[in-house]
Structure formats: structure tokens, C-alpha cells
Protein backbone atom coordinates (compact mmCIF):
# COMPACT_ATOMS: atom_id res chain seq x y z
CA UNK A 1 -40.94 22.02 -6.78
CA UNK A 2 -39.47 21.90 -3.68
CA UNK A 3 -40.82 18.44 -3.31
CA UNK A 4 -38.52 16.83 -5.98
CA UNK A 5 -35.54 18.39 -4.78
CA UNK A 6 -36.01 16.73 -1.65
CA UNK A 7 -36.68 13.53 -3.26
CA UNK A 8 -33.54 14.28 -5.21
CA UNK A 9 -31.35 14.81 -1.94
CA UNK A 10 -32.52 11.95 -0.41
CA UNK A 11 -31.54 9.44 -2.69
CA UNK A 12 -28.31 11.09 -3.23
CA UNK A 13 -27.96 10.70 0.65
CA UNK A 14 -28.93 6.87 0.77
CA UNK A 15 -26.78 5.75 -1.96
CA UNK A 16 -23.68 7.73 -0.38
CA UNK A 17 -25.04 6.23 3.08
CA UNK A 18 -25.66 2.99 1.53
CA UNK A 19 -21.92 2.93 -0.40
CA UNK A 20 -20.80 3.57 3.04
CA UNK A 21 -21.90 0.63 4.87
CA UNK A 22 -21.16 -1.74 2.45
CA UNK A 23 -17.85 -0.60 2.24
CA UNK A 24 -17.24 -0.47 5.75
CA UNK A 25 -18.96 -4.39 5.98
CA UNK A 26 -16.14 -5.43 3.33
CA UNK A 27 -13.33 -4.00 5.40
CA UNK A 28 -14.24 -5.24 8.30
CA UNK A 29 -14.83 -8.85 6.84
CA UNK A 30 -11.65 -8.94 5.19
CA UNK A 31 -9.04 -11.66 7.15
CA UNK A 32 -6.56 -10.35 9.27
CA UNK A 33 -3.24 -12.05 9.63
CA UNK A 34 -0.95 -11.98 11.59
CA UNK A 35 3.27 -11.77 10.53
CA UNK A 36 5.19 -14.84 12.28
CA UNK A 37 7.47 -11.94 13.21
CA UNK A 38 4.58 -10.28 15.53
CA UNK A 39 3.67 -14.08 16.98
CA UNK A 40 4.83 -15.10 20.61
CA UNK A 41 7.71 -17.65 20.84
CA UNK A 42 6.57 -20.93 22.25
CA UNK A 43 7.78 -21.33 25.41
CA UNK A 44 9.79 -24.69 26.05
CA UNK A 45 7.12 -24.52 29.84
CA UNK A 46 4.53 -23.93 27.68
CA UNK A 47 1.56 -26.85 28.48
CA UNK A 48 1.50 -27.75 24.54
CA UNK A 49 5.37 -27.85 23.99
CA UNK A 50 5.82 -29.90 27.05
CA UNK A 51 2.81 -32.46 26.28
CA UNK A 52 5.16 -32.67 22.70
CA UNK A 53 8.62 -32.18 23.79
CA UNK A 54 8.98 -29.69 22.22
CA UNK A 55 12.65 -28.23 22.31
CA UNK A 56 13.96 -24.44 20.87
CA UNK A 57 17.62 -27.03 19.76
CA UNK A 58 16.67 -30.41 17.82
CA UNK A 59 20.41 -31.53 18.41
CA UNK A 60 19.69 -30.84 22.22
CA UNK A 61 16.55 -33.44 22.54
CA UNK A 62 17.36 -37.13 24.40
CA UNK A 63 14.26 -38.05 22.51
CA UNK A 64 15.01 -41.53 20.77
CA UNK A 65 12.29 -40.41 18.06
CA UNK A 66 14.39 -37.87 16.98
CA UNK A 67 15.97 -39.01 13.52
CA UNK A 68 19.37 -37.13 12.27
CA UNK A 69 18.09 -33.83 10.48
CA UNK A 70 14.68 -34.05 11.42
CA UNK A 71 14.00 -29.61 12.55
CA UNK A 72 10.62 -27.47 12.49
CA UNK A 73 12.14 -25.80 9.20
CA UNK A 74 11.74 -29.29 7.27
CA UNK A 75 8.38 -30.71 9.08
CA UNK A 76 5.00 -30.68 7.64
CA UNK A 77 3.27 -28.78 10.38
CA UNK A 78 5.72 -25.64 10.02
CA UNK A 79 5.12 -22.58 7.60
CA UNK A 80 7.93 -20.61 8.58
CA UNK A 81 11.44 -20.14 6.94
CA UNK A 82 14.78 -22.20 7.15
CA UNK A 83 15.98 -19.62 9.79
CA UNK A 84 14.57 -18.03 13.00
CA UNK A 85 11.35 -18.37 14.12
CA UNK A 86 7.99 -19.67 12.23
CA UNK A 87 4.13 -20.23 12.49
CA UNK A 88 3.10 -24.17 13.62
CA UNK A 89 0.02 -25.70 13.11
CA UNK A 90 0.61 -27.22 16.29
CA UNK A 91 1.16 -24.12 18.24
CA UNK A 92 -1.64 -22.04 16.73
CA UNK A 93 -1.35 -17.56 17.20
CA UNK A 94 2.92 -18.80 17.97
CA UNK A 95 5.78 -19.31 16.28
CA UNK A 96 8.69 -22.11 17.19
CA UNK A 97 12.38 -22.20 16.24
CA UNK A 98 13.05 -23.28 12.73
CA UNK A 99 15.96 -25.56 14.59
CA UNK A 100 13.59 -27.15 16.91
CA UNK A 101 12.30 -29.97 17.48
CA UNK A 102 9.38 -32.24 18.70
CA UNK A 103 7.73 -35.79 19.01
CA UNK A 104 4.98 -35.04 16.29
CA UNK A 105 8.19 -33.81 13.62
CA UNK A 106 6.60 -35.15 10.21
CA UNK A 107 8.39 -34.75 7.33
CA UNK A 108 7.83 -32.78 4.64
CA UNK A 109 6.76 -34.63 1.52
């Protein structure tokens, strides 16, 4: 008799343990996404920013490649809002000013 109770108890333990392990694995596998507000801003002194001619305010650049109206907010690489800061594919893990600009600007389609 005690053997049956022992087996049932062991089965119940294994079910609970297995479920716990599966739940922990699923929670750990969920992608963690940073919000734009949590991302550090790109510094004009950043090597990538220098290479791309990034400026915080598009109106301050003297680069002849910039056309009137070009800004990060209307670039295909920018995924933030129309104002403030948002993520840019060219600066992974960092945010750029929506009013900014760089030589890789490509108007959204």
C-alpha cells in the first residue's frame, strides 16, 4: 500500500516540476524589448554618428546632400514618433532625435 502512495506522490512531484521547468523556459525565451525612452541618445561624438554626419538638428548641417525637409522623422530607418527621440536601425541600441539628420537619410515610402 505504501508503495502506491509513494509512486503517486512521485508522479505528482514530477508533473509539478516539469511544468515549472517548462514555464521558466518560456519566460526566459520571451524577447525583451527596450522602449525608446530607455535607449541612450546618440552622441554627436559617437564614431558611427561622425561617420554618418549625424546632427541633432537637421537645420544645422552644412552637408550638401541634405534636401529641405529631410529629417530622421521621415527616414525609413527611423521608427520613433514625429517628435522627441526614437530608435534608428543605423544606431542599434540607441535613439536619435526626430529632428536630426545623417547622410544615410532615405525618405519613407
